[in-house]
Amino acid sequence: MSETSSHAAAGRWDMVSKTAFGEQRVQVDLNVDGGSLSGIMINGAETAPLEDTSLEGNSVAFVASLKTPMEMRIVVNVTIDGDTMTGTAKAGVLPEVPTEGRRIAA
């Protein structure tokens, strides 16, 4: 993470999606450089770069392609409010589900 970034989205986040299969938890590192968003999604030992990123005010959107437990694209749309995020995530052909997160203290 860029130490100089002061955007509300920048930082490491613990993100939980509430699916029909129970809570699915990942960590997301978000970096903001100027108006550009980048980062990674961490799912256990797997790390995936964020793609198709969008940053508009406190609204953040990105896609991550995970291979574990099965290959799928995760599409995330959240709004940042201080140290919390709320929104939705959609994994492959599964329905969109509520997603929330908390910033992990550095």
PDB file of N, CA and C in Angstrom:
ATOM      1  N   MET A   1       0.838  -1.182   0.000  1.00  0.00           N
ATOM      2  CA  MET A   1       0.000   0.000   0.000  1.00  0.00           C
ATOM      3  C   MET A   1       0.877   1.237   0.000  1.00  0.00           C
ATOM      4  N   SER A   2       0.484   2.223  -0.764  1.00  0.00           N
ATOM      5  CA  SER A   2       1.219   3.468  -0.826  1.00  0.00           C
ATOM      6  C   SER A   2       1.039   4.237   0.480  1.00  0.00           C
ATOM      7  N   GLU A   3       2.141   4.568   1.108  1.00  0.00           N
ATOM      8  CA  GLU A   3       2.075   5.292   2.376  1.00  0.00           C
ATOM      9  C   GLU A   3       1.574   6.722   2.174  1.00  0.00           C
ATOM     10  N   THR A   4       1.703   7.260   0.941  1.00  0.00           N
ATOM     11  CA  THR A   4       1.307   8.640   0.699  1.00  0.00           C
ATOM     12  C   THR A   4      -0.164   8.766   0.350  1.00  0.00           C
ATOM     13  N   SER A   5      -0.861   7.640   0.126  1.00  0.00           N
ATOM     14  CA  SER A   5      -2.260   7.690  -0.262  1.00  0.00           C
ATOM     15  C   SER A   5      -3.131   8.032   0.938  1.00  0.00           C
ATOM     16  N   SER A   6      -3.978   9.054   0.770  1.00  0.00           N
ATOM     17  CA  SER A   6      -4.873   9.424   1.867  1.00  0.00           C
ATOM     18  C   SER A   6      -6.335   9.209   1.479  1.00  0.00           C
ATOM     19  N   HIS A   7      -6.593   8.584   0.343  1.00  0.00           N
ATOM     20  CA  HIS A   7      -7.969   8.329  -0.079  1.00  0.00           C
ATOM     21  C   HIS A   7      -8.638   7.359   0.896  1.00  0.00           C
ATOM     22  N   ALA A   8      -9.930   7.538   1.115  1.00  0.00           N
ATOM     23  CA  ALA A   8     -10.679   6.727   2.083  1.00  0.00           C
ATOM     24  C   ALA A   8     -10.611   5.234   1.779  1.00  0.00           C
ATOM     25  N   ALA A   9     -10.447   4.867   0.515  1.00  0.00           N
ATOM     26  CA  ALA A   9     -10.438   3.446   0.141  1.00  0.00           C
ATOM     27  C   ALA A   9      -9.107   2.764   0.427  1.00  0.00           C
ATOM     28  N   ALA A  10      -8.023   3.525   0.493  1.00  0.00           N
ATOM     29  CA  ALA A  10      -6.691   2.935   0.620  1.00  0.00           C
ATOM     30  C   ALA A  10      -6.527   2.189   1.936  1.00  0.00           C
ATOM     31  N   GLY A  11      -5.955   0.984   1.851  1.00  0.00           N
ATOM     32  CA  GLY A  11      -5.673   0.209   3.049  1.00  0.00           C
ATOM     33  C   GLY A  11      -5.990  -1.262   2.857  1.00  0.00           C
ATOM     34  N   ARG A  12      -5.834  -2.019   3.930  1.00  0.00           N
ATOM     35  CA  ARG A  12      -6.174  -3.452   3.923  1.00  0.00           C
ATOM     36  C   ARG A  12      -7.528  -3.619   4.578  1.00  0.00           C
ATOM     37  N   TRP A  13      -8.375  -4.414   3.924  1.00  0.00           N
ATOM     38  CA  TRP A  13      -9.756  -4.614   4.354  1.00  0.00           C
ATOM     39  C   TRP A  13     -10.041  -6.086   4.560  1.00  0.00           C
ATOM     40  N   ASP A  14     -10.791  -6.373   5.613  1.00  0.00           N
ATOM     41  CA  ASP A  14     -11.333  -7.711   5.850  1.00  0.00           C
ATOM     42  C   ASP A  14     -12.754  -7.656   5.295  1.00  0.00           C
ATOM     43  N   MET A  15     -13.029  -8.412   4.232  1.00  0.00           N
ATOM     44  CA  MET A  15     -14.296  -8.328   3.530  1.00  0.00           C
ATOM     45  C   MET A  15     -15.066  -9.644   3.676  1.00  0.00           C
ATOM     46  N   VAL A  16     -16.366  -9.563   4.002  1.00  0.00           N
ATOM     47  CA  VAL A  16     -17.204 -10.737   4.208  1.00  0.00           C
ATOM     48  C   VAL A  16     -18.418 -10.640   3.294  1.00  0.00           C
ATOM     49  N   SER A  17     -18.649 -11.698   2.511  1.00  0.00           N
ATOM     50  CA  SER A  17     -19.839 -11.793   1.674  1.00  0.00           C
ATOM     51  C   SER A  17     -20.763 -12.839   2.277  1.00  0.00           C
ATOM     52  N   LYS A  18     -22.032 -12.503   2.383  1.00  0.00           N
ATOM     53  CA  LYS A  18     -23.015 -13.394   3.013  1.00  0.00           C
ATOM     54  C   LYS A  18     -23.716 -14.204   1.930  1.00  0.00           C
ATOM     55  N   THR A  19     -23.223 -15.422   1.684  1.00  0.00           N
ATOM     56  CA  THR A  19     -23.741 -16.270   0.620  1.00  0.00           C
ATOM     57  C   THR A  19     -24.674 -17.344   1.173  1.00  0.00           C
ATOM     58  N   ALA A  20     -25.332 -18.052   0.273  1.00  0.00           N
ATOM     59  CA  ALA A  20     -26.180 -19.182   0.664  1.00  0.00           C
ATOM     60  C   ALA A  20     -25.355 -20.303   1.284  1.00  0.00           C
ATOM     61  N   PHE A  21     -24.042 -20.296   1.044  1.00  0.00           N
ATOM     62  CA  PHE A  21     -23.132 -21.314   1.575  1.00  0.00           C
ATOM     63  C   PHE A  21     -22.463 -20.855   2.874  1.00  0.00           C
ATOM     64  N   GLY A  22     -22.922 -19.734   3.422  1.00  0.00           N
ATOM     65  CA  GLY A  22     -22.321 -19.174   4.629  1.00  0.00           C
ATOM     66  C   GLY A  22     -21.461 -17.971   4.293  1.00  0.00           C
ATOM     67  N   GLU A  23     -20.824 -17.423   5.296  1.00  0.00           N
ATOM     68  CA  GLU A  23     -19.974 -16.249   5.094  1.00  0.00           C
ATOM     69  C   GLU A  23     -18.690 -16.638   4.387  1.00  0.00           C
ATOM     70  N   GLN A  24     -18.349 -15.885   3.354  1.00  0.00           N
ATOM     71  CA  GLN A  24     -17.098 -16.069   2.625  1.00  0.00           C
ATOM     72  C   GLN A  24     -16.222 -14.859   2.914  1.00  0.00           C
ATOM     73  N   ARG A  25     -15.040 -15.111   3.474  1.00  0.00           N
ATOM     74  CA  ARG A  25     -14.170 -14.029   3.938  1.00  0.00           C
ATOM     75  C   ARG A  25     -12.894 -13.974   3.099  1.00  0.00           C
ATOM     76  N   VAL A  26     -12.531 -12.763   2.675  1.00  0.00           N
ATOM     77  CA  VAL A  26     -11.265 -12.514   1.991  1.00  0.00           C
ATOM     78  C   VAL A  26     -10.685 -11.221   2.553  1.00  0.00           C
ATOM     79  N   GLN A  27      -9.426 -10.986   2.243  1.00  0.00           N
ATOM     80  CA  GLN A  27      -8.824  -9.687   2.527  1.00  0.00           C
ATOM     81  C   GLN A  27      -8.531  -9.009   1.203  1.00  0.00           C
ATOM     82  N   VAL A  28      -8.639  -7.688   1.207  1.00  0.00           N
ATOM     83  CA  VAL A  28      -8.379  -6.903   0.010  1.00  0.00           C
ATOM     84  C   VAL A  28      -7.449  -5.760   0.382  1.00  0.00           C
ATOM     85  N   ASP A  29      -6.350  -5.633  -0.368  1.00  0.00           N
ATOM     86  CA  ASP A  29      -5.446  -4.484  -0.237  1.00  0.00           C
ATOM     87  C   ASP A  29      -5.779  -3.511  -1.352  1.00  0.00           C
ATOM     88  N   LEU A  30      -6.190  -2.291  -0.995  1.00  0.00           N
ATOM     89  CA  LEU A  30      -6.520  -1.276  -1.977  1.00  0.00           C
ATOM     90  C   LEU A  30      -5.476  -0.172  -1.940  1.00  0.00           C
ATOM     91  N   ASN A  31      -4.972   0.184  -3.114  1.00  0.00           N
ATOM     92  CA  ASN A  31      -4.010   1.272  -3.274  1.00  0.00           C
ATOM     93  C   ASN A  31      -4.628   2.327  -4.174  1.00  0.00           C
ATOM     94  N   VAL A  32      -4.463   3.582  -3.806  1.00  0.00           N
ATOM     95  CA  VAL A  32      -4.956   4.683  -4.622  1.00  0.00           C
ATOM     96  C   VAL A  32      -3.782   5.581  -4.953  1.00  0.00           C
ATOM     97  N   ASP A  33      -3.548   5.784  -6.254  1.00  0.00           N
ATOM     98  CA  ASP A  33      -2.481   6.661  -6.728  1.00  0.00           C
ATOM     99  C   ASP A  33      -3.129   7.678  -7.654  1.00  0.00           C
ATOM    100  N   GLY A  34      -3.280   8.900  -7.154  1.00  0.00           N
ATOM    101  CA  GLY A  34      -4.041   9.892  -7.911  1.00  0.00           C
ATOM    102  C   GLY A  34      -5.488   9.442  -7.951  1.00  0.00           C
ATOM    103  N   GLY A  35      -6.035   9.249  -9.133  1.00  0.00           N
ATOM    104  CA  GLY A  35      -7.396   8.759  -9.261  1.00  0.00           C
ATOM    105  C   GLY A  35      -7.469   7.299  -9.644  1.00  0.00           C
ATOM    106  N   SER A  36      -6.329   6.608  -9.603  1.00  0.00           N
ATOM    107  CA  SER A  36      -6.285   5.207 -10.031  1.00  0.00           C
ATOM    108  C   SER A  36      -6.308   4.259  -8.845  1.00  0.00           C
ATOM    109  N   LEU A  37      -7.112   3.194  -8.979  1.00  0.00           N
ATOM    110  CA  LEU A  37      -7.231   2.176  -7.955  1.00  0.00           C
ATOM    111  C   LEU A  37      -6.533   0.903  -8.421  1.00  0.00           C
ATOM    112  N   SER A  38      -5.769   0.295  -7.527  1.00  0.00           N
ATOM    113  CA  SER A  38      -5.145  -1.002  -7.804  1.00  0.00           C
ATOM    114  C   SER A  38      -5.135  -1.785  -6.499  1.00  0.00           C
ATOM    115  N   GLY A  39      -4.709  -3.044  -6.583  1.00  0.00           N
ATOM    116  CA  GLY A  39      -4.622  -3.822  -5.362  1.00  0.00           C
ATOM    117  C   GLY A  39      -4.670  -5.315  -5.616  1.00  0.00           C
ATOM    118  N   ILE A  40      -4.885  -6.055  -4.527  1.00  0.00           N
ATOM    119  CA  ILE A  40      -4.943  -7.514  -4.597  1.00  0.00           C
ATOM    120  C   ILE A  40      -6.056  -8.020  -3.685  1.00  0.00           C
ATOM    121  N   MET A  41      -6.562  -9.215  -4.023  1.00  0.00           N
ATOM    122  CA  MET A  41      -7.492  -9.933  -3.155  1.00  0.00           C
ATOM    123  C   MET A  41      -6.745 -11.143  -2.626  1.00  0.00           C
ATOM    124  N   ILE A  42      -6.857 -11.404  -1.319  1.00  0.00           N
ATOM    125  CA  ILE A  42      -6.165 -12.506  -0.668  1.00  0.00           C
ATOM    126  C   ILE A  42      -7.214 -13.481  -0.149  1.00  0.00           C
ATOM    127  N   ASN A  43      -7.143 -14.721  -0.635  1.00  0.00           N
ATOM    128  CA  ASN A  43      -8.072 -15.771  -0.237  1.00  0.00           C
ATOM    129  C   ASN A  43      -7.227 -16.936   0.266  1.00  0.00           C
ATOM    130  N   GLY A  44      -6.988 -16.988   1.572  1.00  0.00           N
ATOM    131  CA  GLY A  44      -6.094 -18.005   2.121  1.00  0.00           C
ATOM    132  C   GLY A  44      -4.689 -17.782   1.585  1.00  0.00           C
ATOM    133  N   ALA A  45      -4.128 -18.815   0.918  1.00  0.00           N
ATOM    134  CA  ALA A  45      -2.777 -18.703   0.366  1.00  0.00           C
ATOM    135  C   ALA A  45      -2.778 -18.113  -1.042  1.00  0.00           C
ATOM    136  N   GLU A  46      -3.954 -17.886  -1.618  1.00  0.00           N
ATOM    137  CA  GLU A  46      -4.054 -17.378  -2.986  1.00  0.00           C
ATOM    138  C   GLU A  46      -4.136 -15.856  -2.998  1.00  0.00           C
ATOM    139  N   THR A  47      -3.405 -15.242  -3.926  1.00  0.00           N
ATOM    140  CA  THR A  47      -3.444 -13.802  -4.118  1.00  0.00           C
ATOM    141  C   THR A  47      -3.776 -13.520  -5.575  1.00  0.00           C
ATOM    142  N   ALA A  48      -4.760 -12.651  -5.803  1.00  0.00           N
ATOM    143  CA  ALA A  48      -5.176 -12.313  -7.167  1.00  0.00           C
ATOM    144  C   ALA A  48      -5.163 -10.801  -7.344  1.00  0.00           C
ATOM    145  N   PRO A  49      -4.584 -10.316  -8.454  1.00  0.00           N
ATOM    146  CA  PRO A  49      -4.599  -8.872  -8.709  1.00  0.00           C
ATOM    147  C   PRO A  49      -6.018  -8.395  -9.017  1.00  0.00           C
ATOM    148  N   LEU A  50      -6.316  -7.153  -8.659  1.00  0.00           N
ATOM    149  CA  LEU A  50      -7.612  -6.571  -8.976  1.00  0.00           C
ATOM    150  C   LEU A  50      -7.591  -6.077 -10.410  1.00  0.00           C
ATOM    151  N   GLU A  51      -8.690  -6.316 -11.118  1.00  0.00           N
ATOM    152  CA  GLU A  51      -8.841  -5.910 -12.515  1.00  0.00           C
ATOM    153  C   GLU A  51     -10.069  -5.028 -12.639  1.00  0.00           C
ATOM    154  N   ASP A  52     -10.200  -4.375 -13.780  1.00  0.00           N
ATOM    155  CA  ASP A  52     -11.395  -3.566 -14.084  1.00  0.00           C
ATOM    156  C   ASP A  52     -11.783  -2.692 -12.895  1.00  0.00           C
ATOM    157  N   THR A  53     -10.803  -1.991 -12.343  1.00  0.00           N
ATOM    158  CA  THR A  53     -11.038  -1.183 -11.144  1.00  0.00           C
ATOM    159  C   THR A  53     -11.706   0.147 -11.491  1.00  0.00           C
ATOM    160  N   SER A  54     -12.487   0.633 -10.542  1.00  0.00           N
ATOM    161  CA  SER A  54     -13.156   1.921 -10.693  1.00  0.00           C
ATOM    162  C   SER A  54     -13.204   2.600  -9.333  1.00  0.00           C
ATOM    163  N   LEU A  55     -12.932   3.887  -9.341  1.00  0.00           N
ATOM    164  CA  LEU A  55     -12.953   4.680  -8.116  1.00  0.00           C
ATOM    165  C   LEU A  55     -13.666   5.982  -8.432  1.00  0.00           C
ATOM    166  N   GLU A  56     -14.820   6.173  -7.794  1.00  0.00           N
ATOM    167  CA  GLU A  56     -15.594   7.389  -8.011  1.00  0.00           C
ATOM    168  C   GLU A  56     -16.084   7.886  -6.666  1.00  0.00           C
ATOM    169  N   GLY A  57     -15.447   8.922  -6.153  1.00  0.00           N
ATOM    170  CA  GLY A  57     -15.755   9.381  -4.798  1.00  0.00           C
ATOM    171  C   GLY A  57     -15.401   8.280  -3.818  1.00  0.00           C
ATOM    172  N   ASN A  58     -16.360   7.852  -3.007  1.00  0.00           N
ATOM    173  CA  ASN A  58     -16.135   6.755  -2.068  1.00  0.00           C
ATOM    174  C   ASN A  58     -16.685   5.427  -2.585  1.00  0.00           C
ATOM    175  N   SER A  59     -17.087   5.393  -3.861  1.00  0.00           N
ATOM    176  CA  SER A  59     -17.558   4.154  -4.479  1.00  0.00           C
ATOM    177  C   SER A  59     -16.395   3.450  -5.160  1.00  0.00           C
ATOM    178  N   VAL A  60     -16.265   2.159  -4.864  1.00  0.00           N
ATOM    179  CA  VAL A  60     -15.158   1.344  -5.367  1.00  0.00           C
ATOM    180  C   VAL A  60     -15.730   0.114  -6.053  1.00  0.00           C
ATOM    181  N   ALA A  61     -15.175  -0.212  -7.224  1.00  0.00           N
ATOM    182  CA  ALA A  61     -15.576  -1.428  -7.928  1.00  0.00           C
ATOM    183  C   ALA A  61     -14.323  -2.113  -8.455  1.00  0.00           C
ATOM    184  N   PHE A  62     -14.328  -3.444  -8.428  1.00  0.00           N
ATOM    185  CA  PHE A  62     -13.203  -4.204  -8.969  1.00  0.00           C
ATOM    186  C   PHE A  62     -13.614  -5.641  -9.221  1.00  0.00           C
ATOM    187  N   VAL A  63     -12.766  -6.330  -9.961  1.00  0.00           N
ATOM    188  CA  VAL A  63     -12.954  -7.748 -10.265  1.00  0.00           C
ATOM    189  C   VAL A  63     -11.679  -8.471  -9.858  1.00  0.00           C
ATOM    190  N   ALA A  64     -11.825  -9.657  -9.274  1.00  0.00           N
ATOM    191  CA  ALA A  64     -10.683 -10.515  -8.962  1.00  0.00           C
ATOM    192  C   ALA A  64     -10.998 -11.920  -9.463  1.00  0.00           C
ATOM    193  N   SER A  65     -10.023 -12.547 -10.085  1.00  0.00           N
ATOM    194  CA  SER A  65     -10.202 -13.917 -10.580  1.00  0.00           C
ATOM    195  C   SER A  65      -9.514 -14.883  -9.638  1.00  0.00           C
ATOM    196  N   LEU A  66     -10.313 -15.674  -8.915  1.00  0.00           N
ATOM    197  CA  LEU A  66      -9.780 -16.636  -7.957  1.00  0.00           C
ATOM    198  C   LEU A  66      -9.834 -18.044  -8.549  1.00  0.00           C
ATOM    199  N   LYS A  67      -8.946 -18.895  -8.079  1.00  0.00           N
ATOM    200  CA  LYS A  67      -8.902 -20.278  -8.531  1.00  0.00           C
ATOM    201  C   LYS A  67      -9.301 -21.273  -7.433  1.00  0.00           C
ATOM    202  N   THR A  68      -9.385 -20.792  -6.166  1.00  0.00           N
ATOM    203  CA  THR A  68      -9.684 -21.659  -5.034  1.00  0.00           C
ATOM    204  C   THR A  68     -10.931 -21.157  -4.314  1.00  0.00           C
ATOM    205  N   PRO A  69     -11.900 -21.944  -3.959  1.00  0.00           N
ATOM    206  CA  PRO A  69     -11.940 -23.399  -4.086  1.00  0.00           C
ATOM    207  C   PRO A  69     -12.277 -23.856  -5.499  1.00  0.00           C
ATOM    208  N   MET A  70     -12.773 -22.920  -6.355  1.00  0.00           N
ATOM    209  CA  MET A  70     -12.975 -23.214  -7.772  1.00  0.00           C
ATOM    210  C   MET A  70     -12.701 -21.938  -8.554  1.00  0.00           C
ATOM    211  N   GLU A  71     -12.456 -22.073  -9.842  1.00  0.00           N
ATOM    212  CA  GLU A  71     -12.155 -20.905 -10.657  1.00  0.00           C
ATOM    213  C   GLU A  71     -13.410 -20.055 -10.833  1.00  0.00           C
ATOM    214  N   MET A  72     -13.305 -18.765 -10.478  1.00  0.00           N
ATOM    215  CA  MET A  72     -14.430 -17.845 -10.644  1.00  0.00           C
ATOM    216  C   MET A  72     -13.952 -16.399 -10.596  1.00  0.00           C
ATOM    217  N   ARG A  73     -14.746 -15.557 -11.246  1.00  0.00           N
ATOM    218  CA  ARG A  73     -14.516 -14.109 -11.200  1.00  0.00           C
ATOM    219  C   ARG A  73     -15.433 -13.522 -10.134  1.00  0.00           C
ATOM    220  N   ILE A  74     -14.862 -12.727  -9.263  1.00  0.00           N
ATOM    221  CA  ILE A  74     -15.620 -12.054  -8.203  1.00  0.00           C
ATOM    222  C   ILE A  74     -15.742 -10.585  -8.597  1.00  0.00           C
ATOM    223  N   VAL A  75     -16.963 -10.098  -8.744  1.00  0.00           N
ATOM    224  CA  VAL A  75     -17.230  -8.704  -9.082  1.00  0.00           C
ATOM    225  C   VAL A  75     -17.724  -8.011  -7.818  1.00  0.00           C
ATOM    226  N   VAL A  76     -17.016  -6.968  -7.392  1.00  0.00           N
ATOM    227  CA  VAL A  76     -17.311  -6.291  -6.131  1.00  0.00           C
ATOM    228  C   VAL A  76     -17.648  -4.825  -6.390  1.00  0.00           C
ATOM    229  N   ASN A  77     -18.720  -4.349  -5.750  1.00  0.00           N
ATOM    230  CA  ASN A  77     -19.112  -2.937  -5.773  1.00  0.00           C
ATOM    231  C   ASN A  77     -19.428  -2.527  -4.340  1.00  0.00           C
ATOM    232  N   VAL A  78     -18.630  -1.622  -3.787  1.00  0.00           N
ATOM    233  CA  VAL A  78     -18.828  -1.197  -2.399  1.00  0.00           C
ATOM    234  C   VAL A  78     -18.697   0.313  -2.267  1.00  0.00           C
ATOM    235  N   THR A  79     -19.222   0.809  -1.163  1.00  0.00           N
ATOM    236  CA  THR A  79     -19.058   2.210  -0.801  1.00  0.00           C
ATOM    237  C   THR A  79     -18.303   2.258   0.517  1.00  0.00           C
ATOM    238  N   ILE A  80     -17.303   3.108   0.581  1.00  0.00           N
ATOM    239  CA  ILE A  80     -16.463   3.266   1.775  1.00  0.00           C
ATOM    240  C   ILE A  80     -17.034   4.383   2.639  1.00  0.00           C
ATOM    241  N   ASP A  81     -17.142   4.110   3.946  1.00  0.00           N
ATOM    242  CA  ASP A  81     -17.561   5.120   4.913  1.00  0.00           C
ATOM    243  C   ASP A  81     -16.655   4.978   6.129  1.00  0.00           C
ATOM    244  N   GLY A  82     -15.617   5.791   6.183  1.00  0.00           N
ATOM    245  CA  GLY A  82     -14.648   5.693   7.278  1.00  0.00           C
ATOM    246  C   GLY A  82     -13.910   4.374   7.221  1.00  0.00           C
ATOM    247  N   ASP A  83     -14.055   3.549   8.267  1.00  0.00           N
ATOM    248  CA  ASP A  83     -13.359   2.263   8.339  1.00  0.00           C
ATOM    249  C   ASP A  83     -14.279   1.094   8.002  1.00  0.00           C
ATOM    250  N   THR A  84     -15.409   1.378   7.325  1.00  0.00           N
ATOM    251  CA  THR A  84     -16.310   0.305   6.917  1.00  0.00           C
ATOM    252  C   THR A  84     -16.614   0.411   5.420  1.00  0.00           C
ATOM    253  N   MET A  85     -16.980  -0.725   4.846  1.00  0.00           N
ATOM    254  CA  MET A  85     -17.437  -0.756   3.467  1.00  0.00           C
ATOM    255  C   MET A  85     -18.706  -1.614   3.410  1.00  0.00           C
ATOM    256  N   THR A  86     -19.635  -1.227   2.544  1.00  0.00           N
ATOM    257  CA  THR A  86     -20.845  -2.012   2.328  1.00  0.00           C
ATOM    258  C   THR A  86     -21.162  -2.009   0.845  1.00  0.00           C
ATOM    259  N   GLY A  87     -21.751  -3.107   0.383  1.00  0.00           N
ATOM    260  CA  GLY A  87     -22.119  -3.196  -1.019  1.00  0.00           C
ATOM    261  C   GLY A  87     -22.477  -4.614  -1.391  1.00  0.00           C
ATOM    262  N   THR A  88     -22.037  -5.025  -2.586  1.00  0.00           N
ATOM    263  CA  THR A  88     -22.381  -6.347  -3.099  1.00  0.00           C
ATOM    264  C   THR A  88     -21.162  -7.013  -3.731  1.00  0.00           C
ATOM    265  N   ALA A  89     -21.248  -8.334  -3.824  1.00  0.00           N
ATOM    266  CA  ALA A  89     -20.262  -9.130  -4.547  1.00  0.00           C
ATOM    267  C   ALA A  89     -21.010 -10.188  -5.341  1.00  0.00           C
ATOM    268  N   LYS A  90     -20.471 -10.529  -6.499  1.00  0.00           N
ATOM    269  CA  LYS A  90     -21.075 -11.555  -7.347  1.00  0.00           C
ATOM    270  C   LYS A  90     -19.965 -12.477  -7.812  1.00  0.00           C
ATOM    271  N   ALA A  91     -20.132 -13.769  -7.523  1.00  0.00           N
ATOM    272  CA  ALA A  91     -19.133 -14.773  -7.888  1.00  0.00           C
ATOM    273  C   ALA A  91     -19.671 -15.622  -9.034  1.00  0.00           C
ATOM    274  N   GLY A  92     -19.066 -15.483 -10.217  1.00  0.00           N
ATOM    275  CA  GLY A  92     -19.449 -16.292 -11.360  1.00  0.00           C
ATOM    276  C   GLY A  92     -20.934 -16.207 -11.649  1.00  0.00           C
ATOM    277  N   VAL A  93     -21.596 -17.377 -11.794  1.00  0.00           N
ATOM    278  CA  VAL A  93     -23.026 -17.423 -12.118  1.00  0.00           C
ATOM    279  C   VAL A  93     -23.912 -17.332 -10.878  1.00  0.00           C
ATOM    280  N   LEU A  94     -23.316 -17.288  -9.705  1.00  0.00           N
ATOM    281  CA  LEU A  94     -24.090 -17.195  -8.461  1.00  0.00           C
ATOM    282  C   LEU A  94     -24.729 -15.813  -8.342  1.00  0.00           C
ATOM    283  N   PRO A  95     -25.804 -15.698  -7.574  1.00  0.00           N
ATOM    284  CA  PRO A  95     -26.461 -14.390  -7.428  1.00  0.00           C
ATOM    285  C   PRO A  95     -25.594 -13.404  -6.639  1.00  0.00           C
ATOM    286  N   GLU A  96     -25.883 -12.132  -6.868  1.00  0.00           N
ATOM    287  CA  GLU A  96     -25.232 -11.059  -6.130  1.00  0.00           C
ATOM    288  C   GLU A  96     -25.614 -11.180  -4.657  1.00  0.00           C
ATOM    289  N   VAL A  97     -24.637 -10.950  -3.756  1.00  0.00           N
ATOM    290  CA  VAL A  97     -24.888 -11.088  -2.318  1.00  0.00           C
ATOM    291  C   VAL A  97     -24.391  -9.849  -1.569  1.00  0.00           C
ATOM    292  N   PRO A  98     -24.974  -9.584  -0.391  1.00  0.00           N
ATOM    293  CA  PRO A  98     -24.503  -8.467   0.426  1.00  0.00           C
ATOM    294  C   PRO A  98     -23.063  -8.694   0.878  1.00  0.00           C
ATOM    295  N   THR A  99     -22.306  -7.618   0.881  1.00  0.00           N
ATOM    296  CA  THR A  99     -20.899  -7.678   1.267  1.00  0.00           C
ATOM    297  C   THR A  99     -20.586  -6.500   2.170  1.00  0.00           C
ATOM    298  N   GLU A 100     -19.796  -6.744   3.191  1.00  0.00           N
ATOM    299  CA  GLU A 100     -19.359  -5.664   4.064  1.00  0.00           C
ATOM    300  C   GLU A 100     -17.912  -5.895   4.445  1.00  0.00           C
ATOM    301  N   GLY A 101     -17.282  -4.850   4.924  1.00  0.00           N
ATOM    302  CA  GLY A 101     -15.888  -4.988   5.314  1.00  0.00           C
ATOM    303  C   GLY A 101     -15.491  -3.978   6.355  1.00  0.00           C
ATOM    304  N   ARG A 102     -14.374  -4.286   6.988  1.00  0.00           N
ATOM    305  CA  ARG A 102     -13.772  -3.391   7.994  1.00  0.00           C
ATOM    306  C   ARG A 102     -12.304  -3.229   7.668  1.00  0.00           C
ATOM    307  N   ARG A 103     -11.832  -1.993   7.834  1.00  0.00           N
ATOM    308  CA  ARG A 103     -10.407  -1.727   7.622  1.00  0.00           C
ATOM    309  C   ARG A 103      -9.607  -2.438   8.698  1.00  0.00           C
ATOM    310  N   ILE A 104      -8.506  -3.051   8.300  1.00  0.00           N
ATOM    311  CA  ILE A 104      -7.599  -3.701   9.229  1.00  0.00           C
ATOM    312  C   ILE A 104      -6.554  -2.683   9.638  1.00  0.00           C
ATOM    313  N   ALA A 105      -6.408  -2.462  10.927  1.00  0.00           N
ATOM    314  CA  ALA A 105      -5.436  -1.468  11.416  1.00  0.00           C
ATOM    315  C   ALA A 105      -4.030  -1.837  10.981  1.00  0.00           C
ATOM    316  N   ALA A 106      -3.284  -0.843  10.562  1.00  0.00           N
ATOM    317  CA  ALA A 106      -1.894  -1.057  10.091  1.00  0.00           C
ATOM    318  C   ALA A 106      -0.972  -1.384  11.246  1.00  0.00           C
TER     319      ALA A 106
END
